[in-house]
PDB file of N, CA and C in Angstrom:
ATOM      1  N   MET A   1       0.813  -1.189   0.000  1.00  0.00           N
ATOM      2  CA  MET A   1       0.000   0.000   0.000  1.00  0.00           C
ATOM      3  C   MET A   1       0.860   1.258   0.000  1.00  0.00           C
ATOM      4  N   THR A   2       1.996   1.197   0.620  1.00  0.00           N
ATOM      5  CA  THR A   2       2.900   2.338   0.636  1.00  0.00           C
ATOM      6  C   THR A   2       3.391   2.663  -0.767  1.00  0.00           C
ATOM      7  N   HIS A   3       3.623   1.633  -1.565  1.00  0.00           N
ATOM      8  CA  HIS A   3       4.090   1.846  -2.927  1.00  0.00           C
ATOM      9  C   HIS A   3       3.053   2.566  -3.770  1.00  0.00           C
ATOM     10  N   GLU A   4       1.781   2.320  -3.523  1.00  0.00           N
ATOM     11  CA  GLU A   4       0.721   2.976  -4.280  1.00  0.00           C
ATOM     12  C   GLU A   4       0.609   4.442  -3.905  1.00  0.00           C
ATOM     13  N   GLN A   5       0.881   4.780  -2.670  1.00  0.00           N
ATOM     14  CA  GLN A   5       0.747   6.163  -2.217  1.00  0.00           C
ATOM     15  C   GLN A   5       1.919   7.026  -2.665  1.00  0.00           C
ATOM     16  N   GLN A   6       3.107   6.479  -2.745  1.00  0.00           N
ATOM     17  CA  GLN A   6       4.279   7.268  -3.094  1.00  0.00           C
ATOM     18  C   GLN A   6       4.205   7.863  -4.496  1.00  0.00           C
ATOM     19  N   PRO A   7       3.811   7.134  -5.547  1.00  0.00           N
ATOM     20  CA  PRO A   7       3.733   7.764  -6.865  1.00  0.00           C
ATOM     21  C   PRO A   7       2.729   8.909  -6.907  1.00  0.00           C
ATOM     22  N   ALA A   8       1.633   8.784  -6.198  1.00  0.00           N
ATOM     23  CA  ALA A   8       0.630   9.853  -6.185  1.00  0.00           C
ATOM     24  C   ALA A   8       1.219  11.110  -5.551  1.00  0.00           C
ATOM     25  N   GLN A   9       1.974  10.951  -4.483  1.00  0.00           N
ATOM     26  CA  GLN A   9       2.581  12.104  -3.834  1.00  0.00           C
ATOM     27  C   GLN A   9       3.669  12.702  -4.719  1.00  0.00           C
ATOM     28  N   ALA A  10       4.428  11.872  -5.394  1.00  0.00           N
ATOM     29  CA  ALA A  10       5.500  12.357  -6.244  1.00  0.00           C
ATOM     30  C   ALA A  10       4.950  13.132  -7.435  1.00  0.00           C
ATOM     31  N   SER A  11       3.825  12.692  -7.991  1.00  0.00           N
ATOM     32  CA  SER A  11       3.272  13.384  -9.147  1.00  0.00           C
ATOM     33  C   SER A  11       2.631  14.703  -8.751  1.00  0.00           C
ATOM     34  N   ALA A  12       2.173  14.835  -7.523  1.00  0.00           N
ATOM     35  CA  ALA A  12       1.534  16.073  -7.080  1.00  0.00           C
ATOM     36  C   ALA A  12       2.572  17.159  -6.804  1.00  0.00           C
ATOM     37  N   ALA A  13       3.747  16.792  -6.359  1.00  0.00           N
ATOM     38  CA  ALA A  13       4.756  17.777  -5.987  1.00  0.00           C
ATOM     39  C   ALA A  13       5.209  18.654  -7.159  1.00  0.00           C
ATOM     40  N   PRO A  14       5.563  18.107  -8.325  1.00  0.00           N
ATOM     41  CA  PRO A  14       5.987  18.974  -9.427  1.00  0.00           C
ATOM     42  C   PRO A  14       4.878  19.909  -9.889  1.00  0.00           C
ATOM     43  N   GLU A  15       3.644  19.451  -9.841  1.00  0.00           N
ATOM     44  CA  GLU A  15       2.517  20.285 -10.254  1.00  0.00           C
ATOM     45  C   GLU A  15       2.383  21.489  -9.333  1.00  0.00           C
ATOM     46  N   GLU A  16       2.538  21.279  -8.032  1.00  0.00           N
ATOM     47  CA  GLU A  16       2.436  22.367  -7.072  1.00  0.00           C
ATOM     48  C   GLU A  16       3.597  23.345  -7.235  1.00  0.00           C
ATOM     49  N   ALA A  17       4.758  22.847  -7.612  1.00  0.00           N
ATOM     50  CA  ALA A  17       5.931  23.700  -7.751  1.00  0.00           C
ATOM     51  C   ALA A  17       5.770  24.681  -8.903  1.00  0.00           C
ATOM     52  N   THR A  18       4.936  24.358  -9.890  1.00  0.00           N
ATOM     53  CA  THR A  18       4.776  25.227 -11.041  1.00  0.00           C
ATOM     54  C   THR A  18       3.653  26.238 -10.860  1.00  0.00           C
ATOM     55  N   LEU A  19       2.964  26.210  -9.746  1.00  0.00           N
ATOM     56  CA  LEU A  19       1.854  27.125  -9.521  1.00  0.00           C
ATOM     57  C   LEU A  19       2.364  28.504  -9.128  1.00  0.00           C
ATOM     58  N   CYS A  20       1.720  29.540  -9.682  1.00  0.00           N
ATOM     59  CA  CYS A  20       2.045  30.899  -9.264  1.00  0.00           C
ATOM     60  C   CYS A  20       1.369  31.166  -7.912  1.00  0.00           C
ATOM     61  N   ARG A  21       1.687  32.286  -7.327  1.00  0.00           N
ATOM     62  CA  ARG A  21       1.179  32.602  -5.976  1.00  0.00           C
ATOM     63  C   ARG A  21      -0.358  32.582  -5.899  1.00  0.00           C
ATOM     64  N   PRO A  22      -1.077  33.268  -6.812  1.00  0.00           N
ATOM     65  CA  PRO A  22      -2.543  33.209  -6.741  1.00  0.00           C
ATOM     66  C   PRO A  22      -3.084  31.785  -6.899  1.00  0.00           C
ATOM     67  N   CYS A  23      -2.456  30.998  -7.754  1.00  0.00           N
ATOM     68  CA  CYS A  23      -2.885  29.605  -7.920  1.00  0.00           C
ATOM     69  C   CYS A  23      -2.679  28.816  -6.631  1.00  0.00           C
ATOM     70  N   GLN A  24      -1.548  29.043  -5.972  1.00  0.00           N
ATOM     71  CA  GLN A  24      -1.277  28.363  -4.706  1.00  0.00           C
ATOM     72  C   GLN A  24      -2.315  28.736  -3.660  1.00  0.00           C
ATOM     73  N   GLU A  25      -2.649  30.019  -3.596  1.00  0.00           N
ATOM     74  CA  GLU A  25      -3.633  30.478  -2.615  1.00  0.00           C
ATOM     75  C   GLU A  25      -5.008  29.880  -2.888  1.00  0.00           C
ATOM     76  N   LEU A  26      -5.392  29.820  -4.164  1.00  0.00           N
ATOM     77  CA  LEU A  26      -6.689  29.233  -4.505  1.00  0.00           C
ATOM     78  C   LEU A  26      -6.698  27.732  -4.243  1.00  0.00           C
ATOM     79  N   ALA A  27      -5.596  27.048  -4.521  1.00  0.00           N
ATOM     80  CA  ALA A  27      -5.518  25.613  -4.256  1.00  0.00           C
ATOM     81  C   ALA A  27      -5.624  25.341  -2.755  1.00  0.00           C
ATOM     82  N   LEU A  28      -4.971  26.175  -1.959  1.00  0.00           N
ATOM     83  CA  LEU A  28      -5.055  26.026  -0.503  1.00  0.00           C
ATOM     84  C   LEU A  28      -6.475  26.294  -0.013  1.00  0.00           C
ATOM     85  N   ALA A  29      -7.094  27.351  -0.532  1.00  0.00           N
ATOM     86  CA  ALA A  29      -8.465  27.673  -0.132  1.00  0.00           C
ATOM     87  C   ALA A  29      -9.416  26.541  -0.506  1.00  0.00           C
ATOM     88  N   GLU A  30      -9.186  25.933  -1.665  1.00  0.00           N
ATOM     89  CA  GLU A  30     -10.030  24.801  -2.072  1.00  0.00           C
ATOM     90  C   GLU A  30      -9.836  23.623  -1.126  1.00  0.00           C
ATOM     91  N   ALA A  31      -8.596  23.351  -0.750  1.00  0.00           N
ATOM     92  CA  ALA A  31      -8.323  22.238   0.164  1.00  0.00           C
ATOM     93  C   ALA A  31      -8.977  22.480   1.528  1.00  0.00           C
ATOM     94  N   VAL A  32      -8.915  23.706   2.013  1.00  0.00           N
ATOM     95  CA  VAL A  32      -9.543  24.037   3.295  1.00  0.00           C
ATOM     96  C   VAL A  32     -11.056  23.870   3.190  1.00  0.00           C
ATOM     97  N   ALA A  33     -11.625  24.347   2.092  1.00  0.00           N
ATOM     98  CA  ALA A  33     -13.076  24.226   1.898  1.00  0.00           C
ATOM     99  C   ALA A  33     -13.498  22.759   1.869  1.00  0.00           C
ATOM    100  N   LYS A  34     -12.716  21.928   1.187  1.00  0.00           N
ATOM    101  CA  LYS A  34     -13.037  20.492   1.146  1.00  0.00           C
ATOM    102  C   LYS A  34     -12.950  19.879   2.535  1.00  0.00           C
ATOM    103  N   ALA A  35     -11.939  20.283   3.297  1.00  0.00           N
ATOM    104  CA  ALA A  35     -11.772  19.744   4.647  1.00  0.00           C
ATOM    105  C   ALA A  35     -12.946  20.135   5.544  1.00  0.00           C
ATOM    106  N   GLU A  36     -13.535  21.284   5.253  1.00  0.00           N
ATOM    107  CA  GLU A  36     -14.679  21.763   6.037  1.00  0.00           C
ATOM    108  C   GLU A  36     -16.013  21.333   5.423  1.00  0.00           C
ATOM    109  N   TYR A  37     -15.943  20.513   4.384  1.00  0.00           N
ATOM    110  CA  TYR A  37     -17.138  20.023   3.670  1.00  0.00           C
ATOM    111  C   TYR A  37     -17.972  21.169   3.099  1.00  0.00           C
ATOM    112  N   ASP A  38     -17.275  22.225   2.689  1.00  0.00           N
ATOM    113  CA  ASP A  38     -17.936  23.378   2.081  1.00  0.00           C
ATOM    114  C   ASP A  38     -17.782  23.253   0.567  1.00  0.00           C
ATOM    115  N   TRP A  39     -18.634  22.446  -0.025  1.00  0.00           N
ATOM    116  CA  TRP A  39     -18.510  22.106  -1.445  1.00  0.00           C
ATOM    117  C   TRP A  39     -18.742  23.314  -2.340  1.00  0.00           C
ATOM    118  N   SER A  40     -19.589  24.225  -1.927  1.00  0.00           N
ATOM    119  CA  SER A  40     -19.847  25.432  -2.708  1.00  0.00           C
ATOM    120  C   SER A  40     -18.589  26.297  -2.804  1.00  0.00           C
ATOM    121  N   ARG A  41     -17.930  26.482  -1.675  1.00  0.00           N
ATOM    122  CA  ARG A  41     -16.699  27.289  -1.674  1.00  0.00           C
ATOM    123  C   ARG A  41     -15.590  26.590  -2.450  1.00  0.00           C
ATOM    124  N   ALA A  42     -15.508  25.265  -2.359  1.00  0.00           N
ATOM    125  CA  ALA A  42     -14.505  24.515  -3.118  1.00  0.00           C
ATOM    126  C   ALA A  42     -14.725  24.703  -4.620  1.00  0.00           C
ATOM    127  N   THR A  43     -15.979  24.667  -5.036  1.00  0.00           N
ATOM    128  CA  THR A  43     -16.309  24.893  -6.443  1.00  0.00           C
ATOM    129  C   THR A  43     -15.945  26.315  -6.847  1.00  0.00           C
ATOM    130  N   ASP A  44     -16.246  27.277  -5.993  1.00  0.00           N
ATOM    131  CA  ASP A  44     -15.890  28.666  -6.279  1.00  0.00           C
ATOM    132  C   ASP A  44     -14.380  28.804  -6.504  1.00  0.00           C
ATOM    133  N   CYS A  45     -13.595  28.129  -5.689  1.00  0.00           N
ATOM    134  CA  CYS A  45     -12.137  28.193  -5.820  1.00  0.00           C
ATOM    135  C   CYS A  45     -11.679  27.624  -7.161  1.00  0.00           C
ATOM    136  N   ARG A  46     -12.290  26.509  -7.577  1.00  0.00           N
ATOM    137  CA  ARG A  46     -11.926  25.925  -8.875  1.00  0.00           C
ATOM    138  C   ARG A  46     -12.287  26.859 -10.024  1.00  0.00           C
ATOM    139  N   VAL A  47     -13.448  27.495  -9.934  1.00  0.00           N
ATOM    140  CA  VAL A  47     -13.871  28.436 -10.978  1.00  0.00           C
ATOM    141  C   VAL A  47     -12.919  29.631 -11.019  1.00  0.00           C
ATOM    142  N   LEU A  48     -12.580  30.163  -9.849  1.00  0.00           N
ATOM    143  CA  LEU A  48     -11.666  31.301  -9.800  1.00  0.00           C
ATOM    144  C   LEU A  48     -10.287  30.940 -10.333  1.00  0.00           C
ATOM    145  N   MET A  49      -9.818  29.729 -10.045  1.00  0.00           N
ATOM    146  CA  MET A  49      -8.517  29.309 -10.555  1.00  0.00           C
ATOM    147  C   MET A  49      -8.554  29.194 -12.076  1.00  0.00           C
ATOM    148  N   LYS A  50      -9.624  28.643 -12.609  1.00  0.00           N
ATOM    149  CA  LYS A  50      -9.738  28.514 -14.062  1.00  0.00           C
ATOM    150  C   LYS A  50      -9.760  29.898 -14.711  1.00  0.00           C
ATOM    151  N   ARG A  51     -10.530  30.817 -14.149  1.00  0.00           N
ATOM    152  CA  ARG A  51     -10.576  32.183 -14.685  1.00  0.00           C
ATOM    153  C   ARG A  51      -9.208  32.843 -14.622  1.00  0.00           C
ATOM    154  N   HIS A  52      -8.517  32.653 -13.520  1.00  0.00           N
ATOM    155  CA  HIS A  52      -7.181  33.236 -13.346  1.00  0.00           C
ATOM    156  C   HIS A  52      -6.236  32.701 -14.415  1.00  0.00           C
ATOM    157  N   ARG A  53      -6.237  31.400 -14.622  1.00  0.00           N
ATOM    158  CA  ARG A  53      -5.333  30.799 -15.606  1.00  0.00           C
ATOM    159  C   ARG A  53      -5.652  31.245 -17.025  1.00  0.00           C
ATOM    160  N   GLU A  54      -6.924  31.463 -17.307  1.00  0.00           N
ATOM    161  CA  GLU A  54      -7.323  31.876 -18.648  1.00  0.00           C
ATOM    162  C   GLU A  54      -7.154  33.377 -18.872  1.00  0.00           C
ATOM    163  N   SER A  55      -6.941  34.140 -17.806  1.00  0.00           N
ATOM    164  CA  SER A  55      -6.870  35.594 -17.913  1.00  0.00           C
ATOM    165  C   SER A  55      -5.553  36.088 -18.505  1.00  0.00           C
ATOM    166  N   GLY A  56      -4.544  35.264 -18.519  1.00  0.00           N
ATOM    167  CA  GLY A  56      -3.241  35.698 -18.984  1.00  0.00           C
ATOM    168  C   GLY A  56      -2.365  36.234 -17.864  1.00  0.00           C
ATOM    169  N   GLU A  57      -2.922  36.369 -16.672  1.00  0.00           N
ATOM    170  CA  GLU A  57      -2.154  36.844 -15.525  1.00  0.00           C
ATOM    171  C   GLU A  57      -1.365  35.728 -14.856  1.00  0.00           C
ATOM    172  N   CYS A  58      -1.738  34.505 -15.144  1.00  0.00           N
ATOM    173  CA  CYS A  58      -1.112  33.346 -14.506  1.00  0.00           C
ATOM    174  C   CYS A  58       0.248  33.088 -15.141  1.00  0.00           C
ATOM    175  N   VAL A  59       1.283  33.068 -14.326  1.00  0.00           N
ATOM    176  CA  VAL A  59       2.633  32.811 -14.821  1.00  0.00           C
ATOM    177  C   VAL A  59       2.969  31.316 -14.789  1.00  0.00           C
ATOM    178  N   ALA A  60       2.035  30.507 -14.297  1.00  0.00           N
ATOM    179  CA  ALA A  60       2.282  29.063 -14.203  1.00  0.00           C
ATOM    180  C   ALA A  60       2.002  28.365 -15.520  1.00  0.00           C
ATOM    181  N   GLY A  61       1.376  29.002 -16.449  1.00  0.00           N
ATOM    182  CA  GLY A  61       1.097  28.391 -17.732  1.00  0.00           C
ATOM    183  C   GLY A  61      -0.352  27.974 -17.854  1.00  0.00           C
ATOM    184  N   GLN A  62      -0.711  27.528 -19.016  1.00  0.00           N
ATOM    185  CA  GLN A  62      -2.096  27.197 -19.336  1.00  0.00           C
ATOM    186  C   GLN A  62      -2.337  25.701 -19.398  1.00  0.00           C
ATOM    187  N   SER A  63      -1.462  24.881 -18.832  1.00  0.00           N
ATOM    188  CA  SER A  63      -1.540  23.426 -18.990  1.00  0.00           C
ATOM    189  C   SER A  63      -2.731  22.792 -18.307  1.00  0.00           C
ATOM    190  N   ALA A  64      -3.240  23.373 -17.228  1.00  0.00           N
ATOM    191  CA  ALA A  64      -4.309  22.712 -16.489  1.00  0.00           C
ATOM    192  C   ALA A  64      -5.671  23.266 -16.768  1.00  0.00           C
TER     193      ALA A  64
END
């Protein structure tokens, strides 16, 4: 079971490293909302992140 968890953690780390500051803040806010079972706020965070990435202000790129 440990072997299955390690690749998932390894693949998440490079993705987080490429996030710009606003993307990091929105990802954190989404994680907090999920932890609090606030699905509406989690959805809002995903929408805001998508808008941010599409706005041209995102320095992390348009890959996601």
